[in-house]
Protein backbone atom coordinates (compact mmCIF):
# COMPACT_ATOMS: atom_id res chain seq x y z
CA MET A 1 24.81 -6.60 -23.36
CA ALA A 2 24.43 -5.27 -19.81
CA SER A 3 26.56 -8.13 -18.46
CA TYR A 4 29.35 -7.29 -20.90
CA ARG A 5 29.25 -3.65 -19.81
CA GLY A 6 29.57 -4.90 -16.25
CA TYR A 7 32.61 -6.99 -17.15
CA ALA A 8 34.16 -4.02 -18.95
CA LEU A 9 33.63 -1.83 -15.88
CA ALA A 10 35.21 -4.54 -13.70
CA VAL A 11 38.25 -4.65 -16.00
CA VAL A 12 38.65 -0.86 -15.75
CA LEU A 13 38.33 -1.09 -11.96
CA CYS A 14 41.00 -3.81 -11.81
CA ALA A 15 43.32 -1.71 -13.97
CA ILE A 16 42.93 1.32 -11.68
CA TRP A 17 43.35 -0.68 -8.46
CA GLY A 18 46.23 -2.72 -9.89
CA MET A 19 48.18 0.44 -10.72
CA ALA A 20 47.48 1.74 -7.22
CA PHE A 21 50.10 -0.64 -5.82
CA VAL A 22 52.74 1.13 -7.93
CA ALA A 23 51.51 4.51 -6.67
CA ILE A 24 51.64 3.30 -3.05
CA ARG A 25 55.27 2.23 -3.52
CA VAL A 26 56.11 5.69 -4.87
CA ALA A 27 54.30 7.56 -2.08
CA ASP A 28 55.69 5.29 0.66
CA PHE A 29 59.20 6.61 -0.05
CA GLU A 30 58.20 10.13 1.03
CA LEU A 31 55.34 9.68 3.50
CA SER A 32 54.82 7.63 6.63
CA SER A 33 52.11 5.00 6.38
CA VAL A 34 49.81 7.02 8.66
CA ASN A 35 50.38 10.32 6.83
CA LEU A 36 49.85 8.68 3.44
CA THR A 37 46.52 7.29 4.66
CA ILE A 38 45.39 10.65 6.08
CA LEU A 39 46.49 12.70 3.08
CA ARG A 40 44.83 10.27 0.68
CA TRP A 41 41.50 10.18 2.50
CA VAL A 42 41.31 13.92 3.21
CA THR A 43 41.72 14.42 -0.54
CA VAL A 44 39.11 11.70 -1.18
CA SER A 45 36.61 13.34 1.17
CA ALA A 46 37.16 16.73 -0.46
CA GLY A 47 36.59 15.17 -3.87
CA PHE A 48 33.39 13.46 -2.77
CA LEU A 49 32.05 16.67 -1.19
CA VAL A 50 32.61 18.53 -4.47
CA LEU A 51 30.89 15.76 -6.45
CA TYR A 52 28.06 15.03 -4.01
CA PRO A 53 25.52 17.54 -5.46
CA PHE A 54 25.93 15.87 -8.85
CA LEU A 55 25.75 12.24 -7.66
CA PRO A 56 22.54 10.18 -7.40
CA LYS A 57 20.67 10.84 -4.18
CA PRO A 58 19.89 8.07 -1.63
CA LYS A 59 16.95 5.87 -2.59
CA VAL A 60 15.46 6.37 0.88
CA LYS A 61 16.21 8.54 3.90
CA PHE A 62 19.09 7.22 5.99
CA ALA A 63 17.95 5.12 8.94
CA TRP A 64 20.21 5.52 11.97
CA GLY A 65 19.68 1.87 12.75
CA ASP A 66 21.99 1.22 9.79
CA PHE A 67 24.80 3.35 11.25
CA PRO A 68 26.57 0.44 13.03
CA ARG A 69 26.81 -1.38 9.68
CA LEU A 70 28.01 1.81 7.97
CA LEU A 71 30.61 2.26 10.72
CA VAL A 72 31.92 -1.27 10.11
CA VAL A 73 32.16 -0.54 6.38
CA SER A 74 33.95 2.76 7.07
CA LEU A 75 36.44 1.36 9.58
CA THR A 76 37.35 -1.65 7.44
CA SER A 77 37.43 0.04 4.02
CA VAL A 78 39.19 3.26 5.07
CA ASP A 79 41.09 2.83 8.31
CA VAL A 80 42.02 -0.82 8.83
CA TYR A 81 42.63 -1.66 5.17
CA HIS A 82 44.79 1.33 4.27
CA LEU A 83 46.72 1.78 7.51
CA SER A 84 47.65 -1.92 7.48
CA LEU A 85 48.53 -2.05 3.78
CA ASN A 86 50.59 1.16 3.79
CA TYR A 87 52.50 -0.05 6.85
CA SER A 88 53.05 -3.51 5.40
CA GLU A 89 54.36 -2.31 2.05
CA LYS A 90 57.27 -0.69 3.90
CA ILE A 91 58.26 -4.10 5.32
CA VAL A 92 57.29 -7.09 3.19
CA ASP A 93 58.71 -8.17 -0.15
CA ALA A 94 56.46 -7.31 -3.08
CA SER A 95 56.07 -11.01 -3.88
CA VAL A 96 54.73 -11.79 -0.39
CA ALA A 97 52.35 -8.82 -0.49
CA GLY A 98 51.09 -9.93 -3.89
CA VAL A 99 50.13 -13.36 -2.59
CA LEU A 100 48.57 -12.19 0.66
CA ILE A 101 46.51 -9.32 -0.76
CA SER A 102 44.99 -11.87 -3.16
CA LEU A 103 43.27 -13.39 -0.15
CA GLY A 104 40.85 -10.43 -0.23
CA PRO A 105 38.45 -11.92 -2.81
CA LEU A 106 38.57 -15.24 -0.96
CA PHE A 107 37.59 -13.54 2.30
CA SER A 108 34.83 -11.69 0.42
CA VAL A 109 33.32 -14.97 -0.74
CA VAL A 110 33.61 -16.48 2.75
CA PHE A 111 31.84 -13.53 4.37
CA SER A 112 29.20 -13.41 1.62
CA VAL A 113 28.34 -17.02 2.43
CA ILE A 114 28.29 -16.37 6.20
CA LEU A 115 26.56 -12.99 6.25
CA LEU A 116 24.53 -12.91 3.04
CA HIS A 117 23.88 -16.65 2.64
CA GLU A 118 25.08 -16.63 -0.97
CA LYS A 119 25.46 -19.99 -2.66
CA VAL A 120 28.79 -20.96 -4.24
CA ARG A 121 28.74 -23.52 -7.06
CA ARG A 122 31.48 -26.12 -7.36
CA ARG A 123 32.56 -24.74 -10.72
CA PHE A 124 32.83 -21.28 -9.20
CA ALA A 125 34.93 -22.66 -6.33
CA LEU A 126 37.21 -24.26 -8.94
CA GLY A 127 37.60 -20.92 -10.70
CA LEU A 128 38.37 -19.21 -7.41
CA ALA A 129 41.02 -21.82 -6.58
CA LEU A 130 42.61 -21.45 -10.03
CA ALA A 131 42.67 -17.67 -9.70
CA LEU A 132 44.38 -17.89 -6.31
CA ALA A 133 46.86 -20.42 -7.70
CA GLY A 134 47.66 -18.04 -10.53
CA ALA A 135 48.25 -15.19 -8.08
CA VAL A 136 50.60 -17.43 -6.08
CA VAL A 137 52.56 -18.42 -9.20
CA ILE A 138 52.88 -14.78 -10.30
CA SER A 139 54.31 -13.86 -6.92
CA SER A 140 56.41 -17.01 -6.48
CA PRO A 141 59.86 -15.65 -7.48
CA GLU A 142 61.71 -14.67 -4.30
CA LEU A 143 58.75 -15.73 -2.18
CA THR A 144 60.56 -15.32 1.12
CA LEU A 145 60.12 -13.39 4.32
CA SER A 146 63.56 -11.84 3.92
CA SER A 147 62.56 -8.84 6.01
CA GLY A 148 62.72 -11.09 9.04
CA SER A 149 59.49 -9.63 10.40
CA ILE A 150 56.14 -11.33 10.62
CA TYR A 151 54.29 -8.05 11.22
CA GLY A 152 54.41 -7.00 7.57
CA PRO A 153 52.79 -10.17 6.20
CA LEU A 154 50.24 -10.15 9.02
CA GLY A 155 49.38 -6.57 8.11
CA VAL A 156 48.63 -7.55 4.50
CA VAL A 157 46.46 -10.45 5.71
CA LEU A 158 44.61 -7.97 7.95
CA SER A 159 44.03 -5.71 4.93
CA SER A 160 42.71 -8.67 2.94
CA LEU A 161 40.41 -9.61 5.82
CA ALA A 162 39.16 -6.03 6.02
CA ALA A 163 38.42 -6.08 2.29
CA GLY A 164 36.36 -9.22 2.69
CA ILE A 165 34.40 -7.74 5.59
CA TYR A 166 33.55 -4.41 3.98
CA THR A 167 32.62 -6.01 0.65
CA ALA A 168 30.07 -8.35 2.25
CA THR A 169 28.88 -5.87 4.89
CA SER A 170 28.27 -3.03 2.42
CA LYS A 171 26.08 -5.10 0.08
CA PRO A 172 22.79 -4.53 2.00
CA LEU A 173 23.54 -0.78 2.33
CA VAL A 174 24.24 -0.44 -1.39
CA GLY A 175 20.99 -2.21 -2.20
CA LYS A 176 18.99 0.00 0.16
CA TYR A 177 20.54 3.45 -0.45
CA GLY A 178 22.42 3.15 -3.74
CA PRO A 179 26.15 2.93 -4.63
CA ALA A 180 27.09 6.62 -4.59
CA PRO A 181 25.67 7.56 -1.15
CA VAL A 182 27.32 4.56 0.51
CA ALA A 183 30.69 5.39 -1.12
CA VAL A 184 30.50 9.00 0.11
CA TRP A 185 29.24 8.21 3.62
CA ALA A 186 31.85 5.50 4.19
CA ALA A 187 34.63 7.84 3.07
CA LEU A 188 33.53 10.72 5.30
CA VAL A 189 33.03 8.58 8.40
CA GLY A 190 36.31 6.71 7.85
CA THR A 191 38.21 9.97 7.33
CA ALA A 192 36.74 11.43 10.52
CA VAL A 193 38.11 8.44 12.45
CA LEU A 194 41.60 9.33 11.18
CA VAL A 195 41.54 12.86 12.67
CA PRO A 196 43.11 11.87 16.05
CA LEU A 197 46.14 10.53 14.11
CA VAL A 198 46.96 13.93 12.60
CA SER A 199 50.39 15.22 13.74
CA PRO A 200 52.79 18.03 12.78
CA SER A 201 54.73 15.55 10.65
CA LEU A 202 51.80 15.44 8.22
CA ILE A 203 52.27 19.11 7.34
CA GLN A 204 56.05 18.71 7.20
CA GLN A 205 55.96 15.68 4.91
CA ALA A 206 53.23 17.15 2.70
CA ALA A 207 55.22 20.37 2.27
CA ALA A 208 58.33 18.42 1.26
CA LEU A 209 56.45 16.08 -1.09
CA SER A 210 57.88 15.96 -4.61
CA VAL A 211 55.84 16.35 -7.79
CA ARG A 212 56.07 12.58 -8.27
CA GLY A 213 54.87 12.03 -4.72
CA TRP A 214 51.90 14.36 -5.17
CA ALA A 215 51.04 12.66 -8.47
CA ALA A 216 50.95 9.33 -6.63
CA VAL A 217 48.74 10.72 -3.84
CA ILE A 218 46.33 12.37 -6.29
CA TYR A 219 46.12 9.16 -8.33
CA LEU A 220 45.41 7.14 -5.18
CA ALA A 221 42.81 9.62 -3.95
CA LEU A 222 40.87 10.73 -7.01
CA LEU A 223 41.20 7.86 -9.45
CA SER A 224 41.91 4.82 -7.26
CA THR A 225 39.43 5.82 -4.55
CA VAL A 226 36.80 8.38 -5.61
CA ALA A 227 36.26 7.03 -9.14
CA ALA A 228 37.10 3.41 -8.33
CA ASN A 229 34.88 3.21 -5.24
CA LEU A 230 31.93 4.54 -7.22
CA MET A 231 32.61 1.82 -9.80
CA PHE A 232 33.03 -0.84 -7.13
CA PHE A 233 29.80 -0.10 -5.28
CA THR A 234 27.95 0.18 -8.61
CA LEU A 235 29.16 -3.30 -9.57
CA LEU A 236 28.31 -4.58 -6.08
CA SER A 237 24.74 -3.30 -6.49
CA ARG A 238 24.31 -5.32 -9.70
CA GLN A 239 25.73 -8.72 -8.82
CA SER A 240 26.58 -11.08 -5.98
CA VAL A 241 29.67 -10.58 -3.85
CA SER A 242 31.09 -13.94 -4.98
CA ARG A 243 30.70 -13.11 -8.66
CA LEU A 244 32.38 -9.71 -8.28
CA SER A 245 35.19 -11.18 -6.17
CA ILE A 246 36.35 -13.58 -8.88
CA GLN A 247 36.69 -10.67 -11.31
CA LEU A 248 38.90 -8.75 -8.87
CA TYR A 249 41.61 -11.41 -9.22
CA LEU A 250 42.76 -9.40 -12.24
CA VAL A 251 44.13 -6.76 -9.83
CA PRO A 252 47.43 -8.55 -8.98
CA LEU A 253 48.02 -9.25 -12.66
CA VAL A 254 47.61 -5.56 -13.52
CA SER A 255 49.87 -4.66 -10.59
CA VAL A 256 52.66 -6.87 -11.96
CA VAL A 257 52.31 -5.42 -15.47
CA GLY A 258 52.34 -1.90 -14.04
CA GLY A 259 55.52 -2.67 -12.12
CA ILE A 260 57.18 -3.94 -15.30
CA LEU A 261 56.18 -0.93 -17.41
CA LEU A 262 56.63 1.86 -14.87
CA ILE A 263 59.42 0.80 -12.51
CA GLY A 264 61.35 -1.59 -14.73
CA GLU A 265 60.68 -4.93 -13.06
CA ALA A 266 61.67 -7.97 -15.10
CA LEU A 267 59.04 -10.17 -16.78
CA ALA A 268 59.72 -13.51 -15.10
CA PRO A 269 58.43 -16.77 -16.62
CA ALA A 270 56.32 -17.23 -13.49
CA VAL A 271 54.43 -14.04 -14.37
CA ILE A 272 53.47 -15.44 -17.77
CA VAL A 273 52.46 -18.87 -16.44
CA GLY A 274 50.65 -17.43 -13.44
CA GLY A 275 48.84 -14.89 -15.60
CA VAL A 276 47.47 -17.63 -17.83
CA ILE A 277 46.28 -19.67 -14.81
CA LEU A 278 44.75 -16.58 -13.19
CA LEU A 279 42.84 -15.58 -16.34
CA ALA A 280 41.64 -19.18 -16.75
CA GLY A 281 40.29 -19.12 -13.19
CA VAL A 282 38.51 -15.81 -13.76
CA THR A 283 36.98 -17.18 -16.97
CA VAL A 284 35.75 -20.37 -15.24
CA GLY A 285 34.29 -18.33 -12.38
CA ILE A 286 32.46 -15.92 -14.68
CA ARG A 287 31.06 -18.72 -16.87
CA SER A 288 29.76 -20.54 -13.79
CA HIS A 289 27.24 -17.71 -13.30
CA ARG A 290 25.85 -17.83 -16.85
């Protein structure tokens, strides 16, 4: 029963993160990539500070010898990932971003093998390959670099790489201190690193932000980050990085569905076929751990 609750929590997490791509598209029309990142994470930090007295306390007192690892988690999960992704989504086609961001779970598995010495079964590797193939098929219509710039795609790859690094690097911290403290500490440290990037344009753009824009920022901050990061680190504390990564391949599928329902994108045949392949890969990967 506990495993099914874990799967249900992973599905909710994928739904929240999948819809975040729609919110980023909305916010990107009114905010620069840097200002979107700062506004989001300042709101996140405020939310965590309000919640902190009610969250589970660290299992043990923080050891400053762990700070370098925490700094890596903070820089990759807050600064590198979001600055790169917000910048890239202003340049690349959605189809290209969809394929490249799907490299995140792959990088997570690679780093879990390198850093945590996790074992990957052949059946799991098959499921991972199927899931990636499904993500590619979903994003295949208009799969071109029509923007004429390589920097956008490279930025998404960098975000995916950052996701892989912070997922594997945070695992020992989550096990030692607990999910909630690590989520809060990483957010606060990562937000502090963003302070030198604050400029007068942040105030100007925030003041001119529409109701729709604020709704997108609040969704990204409170639901897609505060709530979702608590879910993510909780799941990470209960299972291996590789097992969690295969479940996160549902994110691009949810993102496509959200685009169809909320911004009127057409349901292409590739979305249906790719969705079936992706779900098959996730199923194979999950069953390989039973």
